[in-house]
Each structure stands twice: as C-alpha cells, then as structure tokens.
Amino acid sequence: MKYVNFGKTGLKVSRLCLGTLSYGSPQWEEWILPEETSRPFIQKALELGINFFDTADMYSQGVSEQILGRSLKDFAKREQVVIATKVYYPMGDSPNDKGLSRKHIMNSIDASLRRLQTDYVDIYQIHRWDYETPIEETLAALHDIVKAGKARYIGASSMYAWQFAKALYLADMHGWTRFVSMQNLYNLIYREEEREMLPLCQTEGIAVIPWSPIARGFLAGNQPRHSPAKTIRARTDYQLDYEEFDFEIVDRVMNIAKQRGVSAAQISLAWLLHQPSVTAPIIGATKIEHLEEAVATLDLVMDNDERTLLEQPYKPRAIFGLD
C-alpha cells in the first residue's frame, strides 16, 4: 500500500479509501450488504493496508456507521485508522433532523460517535451545501466540534467551486477551522470538476477524494449499449443521462484493459490515480476481488498516449451530483 499526505495536513492516508455505502441494511436499498456479509470487506481492506474509511450518517440511516464502528473495533486499533463521516441529509422526520444548522450538526456528531463507537472522527464532512443555513453558522459549529476534540479535521463534499471558495475565505477571515478536503464526483465520464473545483483544490492544498471513481460500475462495462444494466445497483441507483461519447469512452477503456491484461475497472481507476489533484479515490467493494484489483491498480502505470486516448471522446455535460 502507498500512503500520502491528506492535502497539506500531516495526516497520512492510504492511496485508496474504502467507502461503506454498500454496507448496511438491505431494507434501505436492495443492493446493500448486511453486517455479516460486510465485515469481511473491512477486514480485508485492513489486511491490504487500507487505513482510510469513509461513511455517512445517512447511509442505511446510521447502520453503515454501526457496522464500520464495530468492525474497526474488532479488527484494528483506533489510532491506526482514519475514519471519515458526513452530516447533512435527513435522519428523521423533524424539521431539525437535517441540514447544516448548529443544532443538527451538534446532535449529529454525537450520534455518529455513538454509532462508530469512538471518541472522535478524523474527518467530519458536510455532505452537501445547505441553502437554508448561513455558511457562517455551519463553519462556526464545525470549528467548535474540532475544538471540543470530536473531530480532527473537517471536509466538504459536492458543491460549486464558488461555494467552497467562500467557505475557505470565511474560515480564514474569522479564524475558524478550515476545510482540508473535497469529496466530489470525478471520473472518466464526469470531468466537469476539472474546470474550477480541482484547480481551486490544488491551489489551496485541499485533499481530493473522489466518489464513484468508476461511475457506479458503468466504466467497468455494466451498462451495455441499448441493453438493460447488468446489476441491481446500476438499475436502481443514480445515473447520468448517458450519451454516445460515454459508451465510446467505455469501449476504449475495455480495449486498453484487454491489451494490458487487466480489468476495465482497473484502467478507469488507474486513470483517476494519475490525475495530479487526486489524493485517494473512494472505492466500493461488494466482492473481495474488487478490493484486490483496486489495490493492484496502484502499481499500474499508464502512459500519456493511453490517458489521452481515454480522454478524447469526452464532451461537456450538465452539472450533476450537487443535490
């Protein structure tokens, strides 16, 4: 395993982060794996050297955090792992059970810590931008959480670059804790982040931890042209409005994969790992070989010609994933 600094902090994270959206309650989504099936993936990730785990309170309405917390307590020492979780989405029916108000953030961090069975999280992230709460209120609350020792760092997720820039500016102006990471949608078929967000992150020394690095399996070939998706998740989870150029990119991914003797998912992930702004893609795994392949990809070197070939068909598309 390779380890890198988390942005310009001194925190060291594995070059891959295991996302735990797929581990929780099948009652929440039918493609979710229950606890007894999920635990071996967390254990295997640790054996492979992954020390970075991402979850959110809303994943299976808290069950994902519970599974991750119990598993890490059984399989690792707390000081050896990096735990990231998120706040924003509804966790109940009350009007204050969602968003980024001081009330919801303060309630949510305590609830997440109980579910994760830990005194602190390493990275506490806002899951989306809250248009109903002043960002100053959110930043002040997050600062207090860090000062209380309940989080070591704070991060943000999918939003417009101007919003992130505003948050960084306000934190500096008031002396509040600054965001150190951006968890955004970025892969071969969604590259709109290259316009403003990624340059901003590079300039400011922000760690970039992309979600959906193989587009929920699309870049692995689970959605053939003019045919039904091959997996339950691909049929029921979010998806872009696929264009012909998306399928052309997948064709090129699969051709290079065949030439190199690796999987299409590995080629797609390798392309992302070669992007200078990317710190640690967040990978999902519902088969042990997914984990093993992802870690093996760290040694897969792609030349400029291969990367250019994959990038050529891309065309600008509508902004996606910010709400």
Protein backbone atom coordinates (compact mmCIF):
# COMPACT_ATOMS: atom_id res chain seq x y z
CA MET A 1 0.00 0.00 0.00
CA LYS A 2 1.07 3.56 -0.68
CA TYR A 3 0.37 6.39 1.77
CA VAL A 4 0.17 10.11 1.08
CA ASN A 5 -0.39 13.30 3.00
CA PHE A 6 -4.01 14.36 3.23
CA GLY A 7 -3.76 17.62 1.34
CA LYS A 8 -1.34 19.91 3.12
CA THR A 9 -2.04 18.36 6.53
CA GLY A 10 0.33 15.96 8.24
CA LEU A 11 -2.30 13.20 8.23
CA LYS A 12 -1.22 10.10 6.27
CA VAL A 13 -3.89 8.17 4.39
CA SER A 14 -3.78 5.14 2.15
CA ARG A 15 -3.89 5.95 -1.57
CA LEU A 16 -7.32 4.29 -1.64
CA CYS A 17 -10.25 4.89 0.70
CA LEU A 18 -12.89 2.24 1.30
CA GLY A 19 -16.38 3.69 1.07
CA THR A 20 -19.04 1.93 3.11
CA LEU A 21 -22.25 2.98 1.35
CA SER A 22 -22.72 -0.65 0.27
CA TYR A 23 -22.62 -1.95 3.86
CA GLY A 24 -25.72 -1.52 5.98
CA SER A 25 -29.34 -2.58 5.68
CA PRO A 26 -30.87 -4.23 2.58
CA GLN A 27 -34.17 -2.69 3.71
CA TRP A 28 -32.68 0.72 2.84
CA GLU A 29 -31.64 -0.32 -0.68
CA GLU A 30 -31.83 -3.86 -2.06
CA TRP A 31 -28.20 -3.89 -3.20
CA ILE A 32 -26.85 -3.13 0.30
CA LEU A 33 -24.91 -5.91 2.05
CA PRO A 34 -25.90 -6.79 5.66
CA GLU A 35 -23.39 -6.77 8.50
CA GLU A 36 -22.33 -10.41 8.39
CA THR A 37 -21.51 -10.05 4.69
CA SER A 38 -19.93 -6.60 5.04
CA ARG A 39 -17.42 -7.26 7.81
CA PRO A 40 -15.03 -9.40 5.70
CA PHE A 41 -14.56 -6.48 3.30
CA ILE A 42 -13.49 -4.14 6.08
CA GLN A 43 -11.17 -6.79 7.46
CA LYS A 44 -9.67 -7.49 4.03
CA ALA A 45 -9.17 -3.79 3.37
CA LEU A 46 -7.15 -3.52 6.57
CA GLU A 47 -5.08 -6.57 5.59
CA LEU A 48 -4.33 -4.92 2.25
CA GLY A 49 -3.06 -1.81 4.01
CA ILE A 50 -6.07 0.48 3.59
CA ASN A 51 -6.28 2.71 6.66
CA PHE A 52 -8.89 5.19 5.37
CA PHE A 53 -12.63 4.53 5.65
CA ASP A 54 -15.49 6.80 4.58
CA THR A 55 -19.10 6.62 5.70
CA ALA A 56 -22.05 8.95 6.39
CA ASP A 57 -24.79 9.10 8.96
CA MET A 58 -27.49 8.75 6.29
CA TYR A 59 -26.08 5.53 4.79
CA SER A 60 -28.73 2.98 5.75
CA GLN A 61 -29.90 5.56 8.31
CA GLY A 62 -26.93 5.00 10.61
CA VAL A 63 -26.47 1.25 10.14
CA SER A 64 -23.38 1.74 7.95
CA GLU A 65 -21.68 3.71 10.73
CA GLN A 66 -22.59 1.00 13.24
CA ILE A 67 -21.11 -1.76 11.07
CA LEU A 68 -17.93 0.21 10.41
CA GLY A 69 -17.54 1.07 14.08
CA ARG A 70 -17.97 -2.50 15.29
CA SER A 71 -15.71 -3.89 12.58
CA LEU A 72 -12.86 -1.46 13.18
CA LYS A 73 -13.10 -2.05 16.92
CA ASP A 74 -12.69 -5.79 16.30
CA PHE A 75 -10.06 -5.67 13.55
CA ALA A 76 -7.89 -2.58 14.19
CA LYS A 77 -6.53 -0.15 16.75
CA ARG A 78 -8.31 3.19 16.69
CA GLU A 79 -5.12 5.24 16.31
CA GLN A 80 -4.13 3.24 13.22
CA VAL A 81 -7.21 4.04 11.14
CA VAL A 82 -8.66 7.20 9.61
CA ILE A 83 -12.45 7.47 9.88
CA ALA A 84 -14.45 9.99 7.88
CA THR A 85 -18.19 10.52 8.16
CA LYS A 86 -20.68 13.13 6.96
CA VAL A 87 -23.66 15.22 8.01
CA TYR A 88 -26.49 16.95 6.10
CA TYR A 89 -29.16 14.54 4.85
CA PRO A 90 -32.35 13.81 6.86
CA MET A 91 -32.03 11.43 9.78
CA GLY A 92 -35.62 11.76 10.97
CA ASP A 93 -38.96 13.45 10.34
CA SER A 94 -38.35 16.58 12.42
CA PRO A 95 -37.55 19.81 10.55
CA ASN A 96 -34.31 19.98 12.56
CA ASP A 97 -33.23 16.44 11.68
CA LYS A 98 -31.44 17.60 8.53
CA GLY A 99 -29.24 20.31 7.10
CA LEU A 100 -26.23 22.13 8.49
CA SER A 101 -27.66 24.18 11.32
CA ARG A 102 -25.71 24.33 14.58
CA LYS A 103 -28.45 22.27 16.22
CA HIS A 104 -28.37 19.48 13.65
CA ILE A 105 -24.57 19.38 13.41
CA MET A 106 -24.11 19.20 17.19
CA ASN A 107 -26.72 16.46 17.53
CA SER A 108 -25.35 14.56 14.54
CA ILE A 109 -21.70 14.42 15.59
CA ASP A 110 -22.65 12.92 18.94
CA ALA A 111 -24.94 10.38 17.28
CA SER A 112 -22.25 9.42 14.76
CA LEU A 113 -19.66 8.97 17.50
CA ARG A 114 -22.03 6.66 19.39
CA ARG A 115 -22.68 4.56 16.29
CA LEU A 116 -18.99 4.44 15.36
CA GLN A 117 -18.02 3.62 18.99
CA THR A 118 -15.27 6.20 19.03
CA ASP A 119 -14.49 9.45 20.87
CA TYR A 120 -13.64 11.30 17.67
CA VAL A 121 -13.71 11.08 13.90
CA ASP A 122 -10.66 12.03 11.90
CA ILE A 123 -12.60 13.91 9.21
CA TYR A 124 -16.10 15.35 9.67
CA GLN A 125 -17.59 16.35 6.33
CA ILE A 126 -20.59 18.36 5.20
CA HIS A 127 -22.36 16.10 2.71
CA ARG A 128 -23.82 18.93 0.61
CA TRP A 129 -24.27 22.71 0.71
CA ASP A 130 -27.22 23.88 2.82
CA TYR A 131 -29.03 26.74 1.11
CA GLU A 132 -31.24 27.29 4.17
CA THR A 133 -28.45 27.83 6.72
CA PRO A 134 -25.84 30.62 6.62
CA ILE A 135 -22.46 29.06 5.93
CA GLU A 136 -21.07 31.16 8.81
CA GLU A 137 -23.29 29.25 11.25
CA THR A 138 -22.11 25.93 9.82
CA LEU A 139 -18.42 26.86 9.92
CA ALA A 140 -18.63 28.14 13.50
CA ALA A 141 -20.31 24.90 14.60
CA LEU A 142 -17.71 22.75 12.85
CA HIS A 143 -14.93 24.82 14.44
CA ASP A 144 -16.41 24.18 17.88
CA ILE A 145 -16.57 20.44 17.15
CA VAL A 146 -12.86 20.42 16.31
CA LYS A 147 -12.02 22.45 19.40
CA ALA A 148 -14.06 20.01 21.51
CA GLY A 149 -11.91 17.15 20.21
CA LYS A 150 -14.79 15.39 18.46
CA ALA A 151 -13.18 15.77 15.00
CA ARG A 152 -9.56 16.18 13.98
CA TYR A 153 -10.25 17.81 10.60
CA ILE A 154 -13.25 18.96 8.58
CA GLY A 155 -14.06 18.33 4.93
CA ALA A 156 -16.67 19.17 2.32
CA SER A 157 -18.42 17.29 -0.45
CA SER A 158 -20.01 18.06 -3.81
CA MET A 159 -20.74 21.77 -4.25
CA TYR A 160 -19.95 24.61 -6.63
CA ALA A 161 -16.41 25.97 -6.59
CA TRP A 162 -17.63 29.45 -5.64
CA GLN A 163 -19.32 28.00 -2.57
CA PHE A 164 -16.18 26.18 -1.49
CA ALA A 165 -14.06 29.28 -2.11
CA LYS A 166 -16.47 31.33 0.01
CA ALA A 167 -16.26 28.81 2.86
CA LEU A 168 -12.44 28.81 2.77
CA TYR A 169 -12.36 32.62 2.72
CA LEU A 170 -14.78 32.97 5.65
CA ALA A 171 -12.88 30.43 7.73
CA ASP A 172 -9.65 32.34 7.19
CA MET A 173 -11.31 35.68 7.91
CA HIS A 174 -12.83 34.51 11.22
CA GLY A 175 -10.00 32.23 12.34
CA TRP A 176 -12.23 29.15 12.14
CA THR A 177 -11.07 25.65 11.29
CA ARG A 178 -10.58 25.34 7.53
CA PHE A 179 -11.85 22.58 5.25
CA VAL A 180 -8.95 20.31 4.31
CA SER A 181 -10.70 18.01 1.81
CA MET A 182 -13.22 17.89 -1.03
CA GLN A 183 -15.18 14.72 -1.76
CA ASN A 184 -16.57 15.24 -5.25
CA LEU A 185 -17.84 13.29 -8.24
CA TYR A 186 -14.97 12.76 -10.66
CA ASN A 187 -14.32 10.00 -13.17
CA LEU A 188 -13.75 9.45 -16.89
CA ILE A 189 -17.35 10.24 -17.84
CA TYR A 190 -17.82 13.15 -15.42
CA ARG A 191 -14.96 15.63 -15.62
CA GLU A 192 -16.72 18.95 -15.02
CA GLU A 193 -14.72 19.33 -11.79
CA GLU A 194 -11.64 19.99 -13.90
CA ARG A 195 -12.97 23.45 -14.78
CA GLU A 196 -12.89 25.17 -11.39
CA MET A 197 -13.04 22.85 -8.37
CA LEU A 198 -9.87 20.87 -8.99
CA PRO A 199 -7.71 23.92 -9.77
CA LEU A 200 -9.06 25.56 -6.60
CA CYS A 201 -8.18 22.49 -4.54
CA GLN A 202 -4.67 22.29 -5.99
CA THR A 203 -4.05 25.97 -5.32
CA GLU A 204 -5.32 25.73 -1.74
CA GLY A 205 -3.68 22.40 -0.88
CA ILE A 206 -7.02 20.63 -0.46
CA ALA A 207 -7.14 16.81 -0.48
CA VAL A 208 -9.40 15.47 -3.25
CA ILE A 209 -11.18 12.17 -2.53
CA PRO A 210 -13.49 11.47 -5.50
CA TRP A 211 -16.62 9.41 -5.09
CA SER A 212 -17.85 7.00 -7.77
CA PRO A 213 -14.46 6.56 -9.46
CA ILE A 214 -15.85 4.00 -11.93
CA ALA A 215 -19.28 5.63 -12.22
CA ARG A 216 -21.20 3.01 -10.23
CA GLY A 217 -19.76 0.30 -12.47
CA PHE A 218 -20.56 1.98 -15.80
CA LEU A 219 -16.85 2.27 -16.59
CA ALA A 220 -16.49 -1.42 -15.77
CA GLY A 221 -18.97 -2.23 -18.54
CA ASN A 222 -22.13 -2.96 -16.53
CA GLN A 223 -24.34 -0.90 -18.87
CA PRO A 224 -24.08 -2.15 -22.48
CA ARG A 225 -25.45 -0.03 -25.31
CA HIS A 226 -29.23 -0.43 -25.80
CA SER A 227 -29.41 -3.14 -23.13
CA PRO A 228 -30.57 -3.31 -19.51
CA ALA A 229 -27.97 -2.70 -16.82
CA LYS A 230 -26.23 -5.83 -15.57
CA THR A 231 -26.51 -5.14 -11.83
CA ILE A 232 -29.32 -4.23 -9.45
CA ARG A 233 -27.44 -1.13 -8.32
CA ALA A 234 -26.91 0.08 -11.88
CA ARG A 235 -30.64 -0.30 -12.49
CA THR A 236 -31.78 1.45 -9.30
CA ASP A 237 -29.03 3.87 -8.17
CA TYR A 238 -28.27 7.31 -9.59
CA GLN A 239 -27.09 7.55 -13.16
CA LEU A 240 -26.19 10.21 -15.66
CA ASP A 241 -28.05 10.62 -18.91
CA TYR A 242 -25.59 8.55 -20.90
CA GLU A 243 -24.51 9.87 -24.28
CA GLU A 244 -22.83 8.09 -27.17
CA PHE A 245 -19.46 9.52 -26.13
CA ASP A 246 -19.82 7.79 -22.75
CA PHE A 247 -20.05 4.41 -24.45
CA GLU A 248 -17.11 5.34 -26.67
CA ILE A 249 -15.05 6.01 -23.56
CA VAL A 250 -16.06 2.62 -22.12
CA ASP A 251 -15.10 0.93 -25.41
CA ARG A 252 -11.65 2.50 -25.18
CA VAL A 253 -11.32 1.55 -21.52
CA MET A 254 -12.14 -2.06 -22.35
CA ASN A 255 -9.76 -2.16 -25.32
CA ILE A 256 -6.85 -0.89 -23.24
CA ALA A 257 -7.79 -3.29 -20.44
CA LYS A 258 -7.69 -6.19 -22.87
CA GLN A 259 -4.31 -5.11 -24.22
CA ARG A 260 -2.88 -4.73 -20.70
CA GLY A 261 -4.44 -7.94 -19.34
CA VAL A 262 -6.33 -6.16 -16.55
CA SER A 263 -9.96 -5.28 -15.88
CA ALA A 264 -11.82 -2.25 -17.21
CA ALA A 265 -12.37 -1.09 -13.62
CA GLN A 266 -8.61 -1.09 -13.06
CA ILE A 267 -7.97 1.03 -16.14
CA SER A 268 -10.66 3.52 -15.09
CA LEU A 269 -9.25 3.74 -11.57
CA ALA A 270 -5.67 3.99 -12.85
CA TRP A 271 -6.64 6.99 -14.97
CA LEU A 272 -8.03 8.71 -11.88
CA LEU A 273 -4.97 7.87 -9.78
CA HIS A 274 -2.80 9.55 -12.42
CA GLN A 275 -4.62 12.88 -12.00
CA PRO A 276 -2.32 15.22 -10.03
CA SER A 277 -5.15 16.67 -7.93
CA VAL A 278 -6.44 13.32 -6.65
CA THR A 279 -5.41 12.16 -3.17
CA ALA A 280 -7.39 8.97 -2.59
CA PRO A 281 -10.37 7.77 -4.65
CA ILE A 282 -13.22 6.30 -2.60
CA ILE A 283 -13.75 2.76 -3.83
CA GLY A 284 -16.71 0.49 -3.20
CA ALA A 285 -16.44 -3.28 -2.99
CA THR A 286 -19.08 -6.00 -2.90
CA LYS A 287 -16.71 -8.76 -3.98
CA ILE A 288 -13.31 -9.45 -2.41
CA GLU A 289 -11.68 -9.38 -5.84
CA HIS A 290 -12.87 -5.77 -6.21
CA LEU A 291 -10.63 -4.84 -3.30
CA GLU A 292 -7.69 -6.88 -4.50
CA GLU A 293 -7.95 -5.44 -8.02
CA ALA A 294 -8.17 -1.89 -6.70
CA VAL A 295 -5.02 -2.27 -4.61
CA ALA A 296 -3.19 -3.91 -7.52
CA THR A 297 -4.09 -0.86 -9.62
CA LEU A 298 -1.73 1.25 -7.53
CA ASP A 299 1.15 -0.36 -9.45
CA LEU A 300 -0.49 0.11 -12.85
CA VAL A 301 1.31 2.81 -14.81
CA MET A 302 -0.46 4.38 -17.78
CA ASP A 303 1.42 6.36 -20.40
CA ASN A 304 0.35 9.72 -21.82
CA ASP A 305 -0.93 8.18 -25.04
CA GLU A 306 -3.27 5.84 -23.17
CA ARG A 307 -4.63 8.62 -20.98
CA THR A 308 -5.13 10.91 -23.98
CA LEU A 309 -6.98 8.16 -25.83
CA LEU A 310 -9.37 7.76 -22.91
CA GLU A 311 -9.94 11.49 -22.55
CA GLN A 312 -10.51 12.39 -26.22
CA PRO A 313 -14.22 11.44 -26.60
CA TYR A 314 -15.37 13.47 -23.56
CA LYS A 315 -17.80 16.32 -24.09
CA PRO A 316 -19.03 18.91 -21.55
CA ARG A 317 -22.17 17.88 -19.72
CA ALA A 318 -24.69 19.27 -17.25
CA ILE A 319 -23.56 19.65 -13.65
CA PHE A 320 -24.54 16.57 -11.65
CA GLY A 321 -24.42 15.30 -8.08
CA LEU A 322 -24.65 18.56 -6.13
CA ASP A 323 -28.06 17.92 -4.57
